[in-house]
C-alpha atoms as a PDB file:
ATOM      1  CA  MET A   1      43.086  50.521  22.379  1.00  0.00           C
ATOM      2  CA  THR A   2      43.267  47.932  25.081  1.00  0.00           C
ATOM      3  CA  PRO A   3      43.794  44.324  24.167  1.00  0.00           C
ATOM      4  CA  LYS A   4      40.669  42.175  24.460  1.00  0.00           C
ATOM      5  CA  SER A   5      40.596  39.088  26.543  1.00  0.00           C
ATOM      6  CA  ALA A   6      40.114  35.749  24.856  1.00  0.00           C
ATOM      7  CA  THR A   7      36.574  35.626  26.277  1.00  0.00           C
ATOM      8  CA  GLU A   8      35.662  39.012  24.816  1.00  0.00           C
ATOM      9  CA  THR A   9      37.119  38.023  21.443  1.00  0.00           C
ATOM     10  CA  ALA A  10      35.130  34.763  21.437  1.00  0.00           C
ATOM     11  CA  LYS A  11      31.912  36.618  22.353  1.00  0.00           C
ATOM     12  CA  GLY A  12      32.498  39.109  19.533  1.00  0.00           C
ATOM     13  CA  ASN A  13      33.100  36.307  17.055  1.00  0.00           C
ATOM     14  CA  LEU A  14      29.945  34.536  18.203  1.00  0.00           C
ATOM     15  CA  ARG A  15      27.880  37.715  17.740  1.00  0.00           C
ATOM     16  CA  ARG A  16      29.171  38.085  14.192  1.00  0.00           C
ATOM     17  CA  LEU A  17      28.666  34.387  13.409  1.00  0.00           C
ATOM     18  CA  ALA A  18      25.182  34.080  14.964  1.00  0.00           C
ATOM     19  CA  PRO A  19      23.302  35.392  11.903  1.00  0.00           C
ATOM     20  CA  LEU A  20      25.332  33.066   9.668  1.00  0.00           C
ATOM     21  CA  PHE A  21      24.562  30.147  11.953  1.00  0.00           C
ATOM     22  CA  LEU A  22      20.842  30.957  11.856  1.00  0.00           C
ATOM     23  CA  MET A  23      20.890  31.169   8.052  1.00  0.00           C
ATOM     24  CA  ILE A  24      22.498  27.726   7.849  1.00  0.00           C
ATOM     25  CA  ALA A  25      20.492  26.062  10.648  1.00  0.00           C
ATOM     26  CA  THR A  26      17.050  27.256   9.547  1.00  0.00           C
ATOM     27  CA  PRO A  27      16.925  25.220   6.313  1.00  0.00           C
ATOM     28  CA  VAL A  28      18.168  22.170   8.223  1.00  0.00           C
ATOM     29  CA  THR A  29      15.346  22.581  10.741  1.00  0.00           C
ATOM     30  CA  CYS A  30      12.844  22.976   7.903  1.00  0.00           C
ATOM     31  CA  LEU A  31      14.155  19.822   6.261  1.00  0.00           C
ATOM     32  CA  ALA A  32      13.634  17.941   9.495  1.00  0.00           C
ATOM     33  CA  GLN A  33       9.949  18.959   9.373  1.00  0.00           C
ATOM     34  CA  LYS A  34       9.377  17.735   5.816  1.00  0.00           C
ATOM     35  CA  ALA A  35       6.044  16.668   4.403  1.00  0.00           C
ATOM     36  CA  PRO A  36       4.929  13.057   4.834  1.00  0.00           C
ATOM     37  CA  VAL A  37       6.455  10.487   2.505  1.00  0.00           C
ATOM     38  CA  CYS A  38       4.044   9.477  -0.238  1.00  0.00           C
ATOM     39  CA  PRO A  39       3.367   6.718  -0.875  1.00  0.00           C
ATOM     40  CA  ASN A  40       4.100   5.434   2.619  1.00  0.00           C
ATOM     41  CA  GLY A  41       4.626   1.697   3.021  1.00  0.00           C
ATOM     42  CA  ASP A  42       4.905   2.102   6.799  1.00  0.00           C
ATOM     43  CA  LYS A  43       1.097   2.327   6.893  1.00  0.00           C
ATOM     44  CA  LEU A  44       0.577  -1.161   5.414  1.00  0.00           C
ATOM     45  CA  PRO A  45       1.521  -3.659   8.176  1.00  0.00           C
ATOM     46  CA  ASN A  46      -2.077  -4.470   9.204  1.00  0.00           C
ATOM     47  CA  ILE A  47      -3.487  -4.795   5.709  1.00  0.00           C
ATOM     48  CA  CYS A  48      -3.601  -8.614   5.681  1.00  0.00           C
ATOM     49  CA  MET A  49      -5.487  -8.697   8.970  1.00  0.00           C
ATOM     50  CA  ALA A  50      -7.968  -6.150   7.603  1.00  0.00           C
ATOM     51  CA  ILE A  51      -8.509  -8.317   4.513  1.00  0.00           C
ATOM     52  CA  GLY A  52      -8.693 -11.600   6.415  1.00  0.00           C
ATOM     53  CA  THR A  53     -11.282 -10.309   8.885  1.00  0.00           C
ATOM     54  CA  ALA A  54     -13.188  -8.039   6.464  1.00  0.00           C
ATOM     55  CA  SER A  55     -13.245  -5.540   9.306  1.00  0.00           C
ATOM     56  CA  THR A  56     -15.362  -2.435   8.967  1.00  0.00           C
ATOM     57  CA  ASP A  57     -13.753   0.972   9.267  1.00  0.00           C
ATOM     58  CA  ASN A  58     -14.636   2.893  12.404  1.00  0.00           C
ATOM     59  CA  THR A  59     -13.723   6.344  11.053  1.00  0.00           C
ATOM     60  CA  GLY A  60     -16.903   6.649   9.044  1.00  0.00           C
ATOM     61  CA  ARG A  61     -14.973   7.602   5.929  1.00  0.00           C
ATOM     62  CA  TYR A  62     -14.749   4.107   4.455  1.00  0.00           C
ATOM     63  CA  GLN A  63     -16.807   0.947   4.557  1.00  0.00           C
ATOM     64  CA  PHE A  64     -13.851  -1.360   5.267  1.00  0.00           C
ATOM     65  CA  THR A  65     -10.582  -0.962   7.166  1.00  0.00           C
ATOM     66  CA  TYR A  66      -8.522  -2.132   4.175  1.00  0.00           C
ATOM     67  CA  GLN A  67      -9.824   0.867   2.179  1.00  0.00           C
ATOM     68  CA  ARG A  68      -8.542   3.278   4.833  1.00  0.00           C
ATOM     69  CA  ILE A  69      -5.173   1.518   5.143  1.00  0.00           C
ATOM     70  CA  ILE A  70      -4.610   1.466   1.367  1.00  0.00           C
ATOM     71  CA  SER A  71      -5.794   5.073   0.975  1.00  0.00           C
ATOM     72  CA  ASP A  72      -3.595   6.297   3.835  1.00  0.00           C
ATOM     73  CA  ALA A  73      -0.558   4.484   2.447  1.00  0.00           C
ATOM     74  CA  ALA A  74      -1.221   6.048  -0.975  1.00  0.00           C
ATOM     75  CA  CYS A  75      -1.814   9.521   0.576  1.00  0.00           C
ATOM     76  CA  VAL A  76      -5.325   9.769  -0.859  1.00  0.00           C
ATOM     77  CA  THR A  77      -7.181  12.818   0.439  1.00  0.00           C
ATOM     78  CA  PRO A  78     -10.941  13.409   0.662  1.00  0.00           C
ATOM     79  CA  GLU A  79     -10.538  16.056  -2.044  1.00  0.00           C
ATOM     80  CA  ASP A  80      -9.121  13.556  -4.548  1.00  0.00           C
ATOM     81  CA  SER A  81     -11.389  12.453  -7.373  1.00  0.00           C
ATOM     82  CA  GLU A  82     -11.921   8.724  -7.865  1.00  0.00           C
ATOM     83  CA  GLU A  83      -9.486   8.864 -10.801  1.00  0.00           C
ATOM     84  CA  GLU A  84      -6.814  10.655  -8.739  1.00  0.00           C
ATOM     85  CA  ALA A  85      -7.305   8.259  -5.820  1.00  0.00           C
ATOM     86  CA  GLY A  86      -6.930   5.325  -8.219  1.00  0.00           C
ATOM     87  CA  ARG A  87      -3.759   6.829  -9.699  1.00  0.00           C
ATOM     88  CA  LYS A  88      -2.240   7.300  -6.233  1.00  0.00           C
ATOM     89  CA  ILE A  89      -3.193   3.779  -5.160  1.00  0.00           C
ATOM     90  CA  ARG A  90      -1.740   2.267  -8.357  1.00  0.00           C
ATOM     91  CA  ALA A  91       1.513   4.184  -7.749  1.00  0.00           C
ATOM     92  CA  MET A  92       1.661   2.907  -4.165  1.00  0.00           C
ATOM     93  CA  TRP A  93       0.811  -0.632  -5.303  1.00  0.00           C
ATOM     94  CA  THR A  94       3.541  -0.566  -7.939  1.00  0.00           C
ATOM     95  CA  LYS A  95       6.139   0.731  -5.481  1.00  0.00           C
ATOM     96  CA  TYR A  96       5.338  -1.806  -2.753  1.00  0.00           C
ATOM     97  CA  GLU A  97       3.981  -4.732  -4.799  1.00  0.00           C
ATOM     98  CA  ASP A  98       6.675  -7.121  -3.573  1.00  0.00           C
ATOM     99  CA  LYS A  99       5.664  -6.295   0.013  1.00  0.00           C
ATOM    100  CA  LEU A 100       1.900  -6.603  -0.522  1.00  0.00           C
ATOM    101  CA  ILE A 101       1.947 -10.240   0.520  1.00  0.00           C
ATOM    102  CA  CYS A 102       0.140 -12.192   3.215  1.00  0.00           C
ATOM    103  CA  ASN A 103       0.865 -15.226   5.340  1.00  0.00           C
ATOM    104  CA  ASN A 104      -1.955 -16.778   7.295  1.00  0.00           C
ATOM    105  CA  THR A 105      -2.827 -20.236   8.567  1.00  0.00           C
ATOM    106  CA  ARG A 106      -6.037 -20.059   6.491  1.00  0.00           C
ATOM    107  CA  PHE A 107      -4.080 -19.247   3.314  1.00  0.00           C
ATOM    108  CA  ASP A 108      -2.322 -21.966   1.336  1.00  0.00           C
ATOM    109  CA  VAL A 109       0.275 -19.747  -0.400  1.00  0.00           C
ATOM    110  CA  GLN A 110       3.292 -18.701   1.609  1.00  0.00           C
ATOM    111  CA  ASN A 111       4.113 -15.049   0.849  1.00  0.00           C
ATOM    112  CA  GLY A 112       1.153 -14.917  -1.532  1.00  0.00           C
ATOM    113  CA  SER A 113      -0.220 -11.712  -2.974  1.00  0.00           C
ATOM    114  CA  MET A 114      -2.966  -9.869  -1.128  1.00  0.00           C
ATOM    115  CA  LEU A 115      -5.200 -10.521  -4.128  1.00  0.00           C
ATOM    116  CA  LYS A 116      -4.834 -14.284  -3.704  1.00  0.00           C
ATOM    117  CA  PHE A 117      -5.386 -13.912   0.025  1.00  0.00           C
ATOM    118  CA  ALA A 118      -8.610 -11.980  -0.611  1.00  0.00           C
ATOM    119  CA  ALA A 119      -9.792 -14.719  -2.993  1.00  0.00           C
ATOM    120  CA  SER A 120      -8.882 -17.356  -0.411  1.00  0.00           C
ATOM    121  CA  ALA A 121     -10.786 -15.404   2.277  1.00  0.00           C
ATOM    122  CA  ARG A 122     -13.729 -15.003  -0.153  1.00  0.00           C
ATOM    123  CA  PHE A 123     -13.546 -11.224   0.220  1.00  0.00           C
ATOM    124  CA  GLU A 124     -15.139 -10.023  -2.994  1.00  0.00           C
ATOM    125  CA  ASP A 125     -15.189  -6.334  -1.987  1.00  0.00           C
ATOM    126  CA  PHE A 126     -11.398  -6.184  -1.865  1.00  0.00           C
ATOM    127  CA  LEU A 127     -11.073  -7.968  -5.203  1.00  0.00           C
ATOM    128  CA  PHE A 128     -13.609  -5.603  -6.746  1.00  0.00           C
ATOM    129  CA  ASP A 129     -11.876  -2.459  -5.441  1.00  0.00           C
ATOM    130  CA  ALA A 130      -8.418  -3.656  -6.507  1.00  0.00           C
ATOM    131  CA  SER A 131      -9.434  -4.805  -9.979  1.00  0.00           C
ATOM    132  CA  MET A 132     -12.311  -2.567 -11.037  1.00  0.00           C
ATOM    133  CA  ILE A 133     -11.880   0.668  -9.042  1.00  0.00           C
ATOM    134  CA  TRP A 134      -8.142   1.014  -8.385  1.00  0.00           C
ATOM    135  CA  LYS A 135      -7.127  -1.013 -11.462  1.00  0.00           C
ATOM    136  CA  VAL A 136      -3.927  -2.339  -9.896  1.00  0.00           C
ATOM    137  CA  ASN A 137      -1.580  -4.819 -11.533  1.00  0.00           C
ATOM    138  CA  LEU A 138      -3.364  -8.168 -11.528  1.00  0.00           C
ATOM    139  CA  ASN A 139      -0.580 -10.095 -13.240  1.00  0.00           C
ATOM    140  CA  ARG A 140       2.114 -10.402 -10.618  1.00  0.00           C
ATOM    141  CA  VAL A 141       3.589 -13.894 -10.466  1.00  0.00           C
ATOM    142  CA  ASP A 142       4.320 -14.839  -6.879  1.00  0.00           C
ATOM    143  CA  PRO A 143       7.805 -16.337  -6.568  1.00  0.00           C
ATOM    144  CA  SER A 144       6.536 -18.748  -3.901  1.00  0.00           C
ATOM    145  CA  ASP A 145       4.027 -20.568  -6.140  1.00  0.00           C
ATOM    146  CA  GLY A 146       4.786 -19.303  -9.666  1.00  0.00           C
ATOM    147  CA  ARG A 147       1.164 -18.283 -10.300  1.00  0.00           C
ATOM    148  CA  THR A 148      -0.878 -15.151 -10.958  1.00  0.00           C
ATOM    149  CA  VAL A 149      -4.092 -14.413  -9.077  1.00  0.00           C
ATOM    150  CA  LEU A 150      -6.071 -15.740 -12.068  1.00  0.00           C
ATOM    151  CA  ASP A 151      -4.127 -19.024 -11.933  1.00  0.00           C
ATOM    152  CA  TYR A 152      -4.856 -19.217  -8.209  1.00  0.00           C
ATOM    153  CA  VAL A 153      -8.592 -18.617  -8.625  1.00  0.00           C
ATOM    154  CA  GLN A 154      -8.770 -21.195 -11.422  1.00  0.00           C
ATOM    155  CA  LYS A 155      -7.145 -23.792  -9.165  1.00  0.00           C
ATOM    156  CA  GLU A 156      -9.573 -22.867  -6.364  1.00  0.00           C
ATOM    157  CA  ILE A 157     -12.492 -23.416  -8.786  1.00  0.00           C
ATOM    158  CA  GLU A 158     -11.144 -26.866  -9.649  1.00  0.00           C
ATOM    159  CA  ARG A 159     -10.614 -27.681  -5.974  1.00  0.00           C
ATOM    160  CA  ASN A 160     -14.152 -26.601  -5.081  1.00  0.00           C
ATOM    161  CA  ARG A 161     -15.964 -28.050  -8.103  1.00  0.00           C
ATOM    162  CA  GLY A 162     -19.488 -29.127  -7.233  1.00  0.00           C
ATOM    163  CA  THR A 163     -19.656 -27.109  -4.013  1.00  0.00           C
ATOM    164  CA  SER A 164     -21.602 -23.955  -3.214  1.00  0.00           C
ATOM    165  CA  ILE A 165     -18.366 -21.946  -3.372  1.00  0.00           C
ATOM    166  CA  GLU A 166     -17.712 -22.799  -7.019  1.00  0.00           C
ATOM    167  CA  SER A 167     -20.078 -20.151  -8.418  1.00  0.00           C
ATOM    168  CA  LYS A 168     -18.578 -17.430  -6.201  1.00  0.00           C
ATOM    169  CA  LEU A 169     -15.068 -18.343  -7.371  1.00  0.00           C
ATOM    170  CA  LYS A 170     -16.245 -18.304 -10.991  1.00  0.00           C
ATOM    171  CA  SER A 171     -17.584 -14.778 -10.465  1.00  0.00           C
ATOM    172  CA  TYR A 172     -14.141 -13.762  -9.121  1.00  0.00           C
ATOM    173  CA  TYR A 173     -12.523 -15.327 -12.173  1.00  0.00           C
ATOM    174  CA  ASP A 174     -14.834 -13.456 -14.553  1.00  0.00           C
ATOM    175  CA  MET A 175     -14.355 -10.142 -12.746  1.00  0.00           C
ATOM    176  CA  LEU A 176     -10.551 -10.484 -12.722  1.00  0.00           C
ATOM    177  CA  ARG A 177     -10.500 -11.556 -16.375  1.00  0.00           C
ATOM    178  CA  THR A 178     -12.658  -8.547 -17.341  1.00  0.00           C
ATOM    179  CA  ALA A 179     -10.223  -6.280 -15.469  1.00  0.00           C
ATOM    180  CA  GLY A 180      -7.260  -7.629 -17.452  1.00  0.00           C
ATOM    181  CA  ALA A 181      -5.955 -10.497 -15.323  1.00  0.00           C
ATOM    182  CA  LYS A 182      -4.035 -13.167 -17.198  1.00  0.00           C
ATOM    183  CA  HIS A 183      -2.731 -16.646 -16.634  1.00  0.00           C
ATOM    184  CA  ARG A 184       1.038 -16.963 -16.345  1.00  0.00           C
ATOM    185  CA  PRO A 185       1.502 -18.528 -19.810  1.00  0.00           C
ATOM    186  CA  GLU A 186      -0.292 -15.505 -21.327  1.00  0.00           C
ATOM    187  CA  LEU A 187       2.249 -13.021 -19.926  1.00  0.00           C
END
């Protein structure tokens, strides 16, 4: 038997180790191609703009852009029932609630909840979906102003007393109250 050169020995070792390498590398490659993260907060950055402008969705699947953004972030599929979609959206809302805040020159609460922003923008559709359809937590107290959305709407009613906006704000208050919203002292 003739002695093998170092190159031949290395090639032989590589041939024997190749199947082992493939067995180890394949799961790593599969892990790199994992399913999308759900819920996915990376899909939420434009939500405040969608609420503030009440923009319509151009995909044809939803009436408003905010519905698509929220549904995508919660990984809602067309096959999901309304109950399942609501469950997924509530889970996403709970996970990212501290990040579901808006800042806008037309909004008087710095880092205020999206719910307060929707009330400020007079966007009833968003408030209805969040409170009556998705049934999200309506009792978050914003650290920036120490109020819940119900506290905020009540103050807006007082600020707009005697104007045409007062009745709309009262309807928001009633809807939120019916859906379980509370004032901070009630928590």
